[in-house]
């Protein structure tokens, strides 16, 4: 017998509200909403849907993350590197150790899958 599939639906679910830590905030008031829809029994893998209002903040990844943008536009700029603009339909991975700036240009919503290393 196989485990049950976990559908990704946020219908009727209240999101967890969040915001970047004040010391990481660069501009705007990027309130975020997160619907964590799955957590593995060991707590190291989780996935769901995240969205944020416009703003910019510093990011420092200690985990690996796969992202698929559902709607909106964001710009991710690695320290010392070129910015990458992502929009609906784009998919990418951010490796542990990545540092830079995440800037939400238009409210952005993404599917995420995170593995804690």
C-alpha atoms as a PDB file:
ATOM      1  CA  UNK A   1       0.000   0.000   0.000  1.00  0.00           C
ATOM      2  CA  UNK A   2       1.304   3.433  -0.950  1.00  0.00           C
ATOM      3  CA  UNK A   3       0.934   6.552   1.208  1.00  0.00           C
ATOM      4  CA  UNK A   4      -1.870   8.940   0.283  1.00  0.00           C
ATOM      5  CA  UNK A   5      -1.170  11.805  -2.106  1.00  0.00           C
ATOM      6  CA  UNK A   6      -1.232  15.296  -0.612  1.00  0.00           C
ATOM      7  CA  UNK A   7      -3.234  17.738  -2.774  1.00  0.00           C
ATOM      8  CA  UNK A   8      -2.068  21.358  -2.804  1.00  0.00           C
ATOM      9  CA  UNK A   9      -5.207  23.347  -2.075  1.00  0.00           C
ATOM     10  CA  UNK A  10      -5.361  26.386   0.170  1.00  0.00           C
ATOM     11  CA  UNK A  11      -9.143  26.689  -0.040  1.00  0.00           C
ATOM     12  CA  UNK A  12     -10.427  27.477   3.433  1.00  0.00           C
ATOM     13  CA  UNK A  13      -6.951  27.447   5.043  1.00  0.00           C
ATOM     14  CA  UNK A  14      -5.684  30.446   6.978  1.00  0.00           C
ATOM     15  CA  UNK A  15      -2.128  31.463   6.040  1.00  0.00           C
ATOM     16  CA  UNK A  16       0.708  32.097   8.445  1.00  0.00           C
ATOM     17  CA  UNK A  17       1.553  35.816   8.232  1.00  0.00           C
ATOM     18  CA  UNK A  18       5.174  36.920   8.169  1.00  0.00           C
ATOM     19  CA  UNK A  19       7.661  39.592   7.185  1.00  0.00           C
ATOM     20  CA  UNK A  20      11.430  39.857   6.813  1.00  0.00           C
ATOM     21  CA  UNK A  21      13.364  40.510  10.001  1.00  0.00           C
ATOM     22  CA  UNK A  22      13.758  44.291  10.431  1.00  0.00           C
ATOM     23  CA  UNK A  23      17.556  44.089  10.051  1.00  0.00           C
ATOM     24  CA  UNK A  24      17.139  42.409   6.619  1.00  0.00           C
ATOM     25  CA  UNK A  25      14.504  44.792   5.233  1.00  0.00           C
ATOM     26  CA  UNK A  26      15.790  47.083   2.455  1.00  0.00           C
ATOM     27  CA  UNK A  27      12.551  48.747   1.319  1.00  0.00           C
ATOM     28  CA  UNK A  28       8.767  48.462   1.328  1.00  0.00           C
ATOM     29  CA  UNK A  29       6.506  46.570   3.702  1.00  0.00           C
ATOM     30  CA  UNK A  30       6.583  43.050   2.271  1.00  0.00           C
ATOM     31  CA  UNK A  31       3.987  41.189   4.331  1.00  0.00           C
ATOM     32  CA  UNK A  32       4.016  37.508   3.372  1.00  0.00           C
ATOM     33  CA  UNK A  33       1.498  34.695   3.620  1.00  0.00           C
ATOM     34  CA  UNK A  34       2.566  31.062   3.843  1.00  0.00           C
ATOM     35  CA  UNK A  35       0.452  27.952   3.549  1.00  0.00           C
ATOM     36  CA  UNK A  36       2.727  25.058   4.542  1.00  0.00           C
ATOM     37  CA  UNK A  37       0.857  22.084   3.090  1.00  0.00           C
ATOM     38  CA  UNK A  38       3.244  19.211   3.770  1.00  0.00           C
ATOM     39  CA  UNK A  39       5.961  18.457   6.302  1.00  0.00           C
ATOM     40  CA  UNK A  40       7.915  15.200   6.254  1.00  0.00           C
ATOM     41  CA  UNK A  41       7.969  13.209   9.504  1.00  0.00           C
ATOM     42  CA  UNK A  42      11.625  14.173  10.137  1.00  0.00           C
ATOM     43  CA  UNK A  43      10.819  17.887   9.640  1.00  0.00           C
ATOM     44  CA  UNK A  44      13.608  18.395   7.086  1.00  0.00           C
ATOM     45  CA  UNK A  45      11.415  18.588   3.978  1.00  0.00           C
ATOM     46  CA  UNK A  46       8.366  20.782   3.633  1.00  0.00           C
ATOM     47  CA  UNK A  47       6.390  22.399   0.855  1.00  0.00           C
ATOM     48  CA  UNK A  48       3.461  24.661   0.176  1.00  0.00           C
ATOM     49  CA  UNK A  49       2.537  28.066  -1.187  1.00  0.00           C
ATOM     50  CA  UNK A  50       4.077  31.433  -0.285  1.00  0.00           C
ATOM     51  CA  UNK A  51       3.205  34.939  -1.421  1.00  0.00           C
ATOM     52  CA  UNK A  52       4.506  38.389  -0.617  1.00  0.00           C
ATOM     53  CA  UNK A  53       3.632  42.002  -1.200  1.00  0.00           C
ATOM     54  CA  UNK A  54       6.225  44.299  -2.846  1.00  0.00           C
ATOM     55  CA  UNK A  55       9.442  45.101  -1.031  1.00  0.00           C
ATOM     56  CA  UNK A  56      13.073  44.018  -0.841  1.00  0.00           C
ATOM     57  CA  UNK A  57      15.104  42.199   1.783  1.00  0.00           C
ATOM     58  CA  UNK A  58      18.384  40.351   2.229  1.00  0.00           C
ATOM     59  CA  UNK A  59      18.261  36.558   1.990  1.00  0.00           C
ATOM     60  CA  UNK A  60      20.707  33.976   3.343  1.00  0.00           C
ATOM     61  CA  UNK A  61      19.726  30.390   2.599  1.00  0.00           C
ATOM     62  CA  UNK A  62      20.676  27.569   4.983  1.00  0.00           C
ATOM     63  CA  UNK A  63      18.382  25.184   3.072  1.00  0.00           C
ATOM     64  CA  UNK A  64      17.856  24.091  -0.545  1.00  0.00           C
ATOM     65  CA  UNK A  65      14.654  25.448  -2.105  1.00  0.00           C
ATOM     66  CA  UNK A  66      12.836  24.681  -5.343  1.00  0.00           C
ATOM     67  CA  UNK A  67      10.481  27.484  -6.436  1.00  0.00           C
ATOM     68  CA  UNK A  68       7.804  27.637  -9.123  1.00  0.00           C
ATOM     69  CA  UNK A  69       6.343  31.120  -9.580  1.00  0.00           C
ATOM     70  CA  UNK A  70       2.556  30.996  -9.907  1.00  0.00           C
ATOM     71  CA  UNK A  71       1.943  34.733 -10.303  1.00  0.00           C
ATOM     72  CA  UNK A  72       3.703  38.065  -9.999  1.00  0.00           C
ATOM     73  CA  UNK A  73       7.227  39.296 -10.650  1.00  0.00           C
ATOM     74  CA  UNK A  74      10.300  39.220  -8.403  1.00  0.00           C
ATOM     75  CA  UNK A  75      13.987  39.952  -8.867  1.00  0.00           C
ATOM     76  CA  UNK A  76      16.631  37.869  -7.101  1.00  0.00           C
ATOM     77  CA  UNK A  77      20.157  39.260  -7.016  1.00  0.00           C
ATOM     78  CA  UNK A  78      23.020  37.146  -5.691  1.00  0.00           C
ATOM     79  CA  UNK A  79      25.770  38.955  -3.801  1.00  0.00           C
ATOM     80  CA  UNK A  80      28.315  39.980  -6.444  1.00  0.00           C
ATOM     81  CA  UNK A  81      26.173  38.625  -9.297  1.00  0.00           C
ATOM     82  CA  UNK A  82      23.622  39.576 -11.916  1.00  0.00           C
ATOM     83  CA  UNK A  83      19.914  39.891 -11.040  1.00  0.00           C
ATOM     84  CA  UNK A  84      17.452  37.269 -12.233  1.00  0.00           C
ATOM     85  CA  UNK A  85      13.880  38.400 -12.847  1.00  0.00           C
ATOM     86  CA  UNK A  86      11.331  35.633 -12.300  1.00  0.00           C
ATOM     87  CA  UNK A  87       7.665  35.645 -13.262  1.00  0.00           C
ATOM     88  CA  UNK A  88       4.666  33.318 -13.538  1.00  0.00           C
ATOM     89  CA  UNK A  89       5.713  30.001 -15.059  1.00  0.00           C
ATOM     90  CA  UNK A  90       9.386  30.247 -14.069  1.00  0.00           C
ATOM     91  CA  UNK A  91      10.964  27.499 -11.959  1.00  0.00           C
ATOM     92  CA  UNK A  92      14.377  27.502 -10.286  1.00  0.00           C
ATOM     93  CA  UNK A  93      16.358  26.191  -7.329  1.00  0.00           C
ATOM     94  CA  UNK A  94      18.189  28.194  -4.680  1.00  0.00           C
ATOM     95  CA  UNK A  95      21.022  26.229  -3.053  1.00  0.00           C
ATOM     96  CA  UNK A  96      21.977  26.343   0.606  1.00  0.00           C
ATOM     97  CA  UNK A  97      24.605  29.051   1.110  1.00  0.00           C
ATOM     98  CA  UNK A  98      23.016  31.480  -1.385  1.00  0.00           C
ATOM     99  CA  UNK A  99      23.130  35.115  -0.251  1.00  0.00           C
ATOM    100  CA  UNK A 100      21.649  38.142  -1.902  1.00  0.00           C
ATOM    101  CA  UNK A 101      18.462  40.198  -2.208  1.00  0.00           C
ATOM    102  CA  UNK A 102      14.906  39.105  -2.986  1.00  0.00           C
ATOM    103  CA  UNK A 103      12.823  41.973  -4.360  1.00  0.00           C
ATOM    104  CA  UNK A 104       9.107  41.525  -5.003  1.00  0.00           C
ATOM    105  CA  UNK A 105       8.199  43.905  -7.836  1.00  0.00           C
ATOM    106  CA  UNK A 106       4.560  42.744  -8.126  1.00  0.00           C
ATOM    107  CA  UNK A 107       2.824  40.582  -5.522  1.00  0.00           C
ATOM    108  CA  UNK A 108       4.457  37.194  -6.034  1.00  0.00           C
ATOM    109  CA  UNK A 109       3.042  33.760  -5.259  1.00  0.00           C
ATOM    110  CA  UNK A 110       5.092  30.581  -5.549  1.00  0.00           C
ATOM    111  CA  UNK A 111       5.013  26.867  -4.873  1.00  0.00           C
ATOM    112  CA  UNK A 112       8.004  25.953  -2.738  1.00  0.00           C
ATOM    113  CA  UNK A 113       9.727  22.743  -1.720  1.00  0.00           C
ATOM    114  CA  UNK A 114      12.440  23.129   0.923  1.00  0.00           C
ATOM    115  CA  UNK A 115      14.999  20.630   2.172  1.00  0.00           C
ATOM    116  CA  UNK A 116      16.852  21.534   5.358  1.00  0.00           C
ATOM    117  CA  UNK A 117      20.493  20.426   5.224  1.00  0.00           C
END
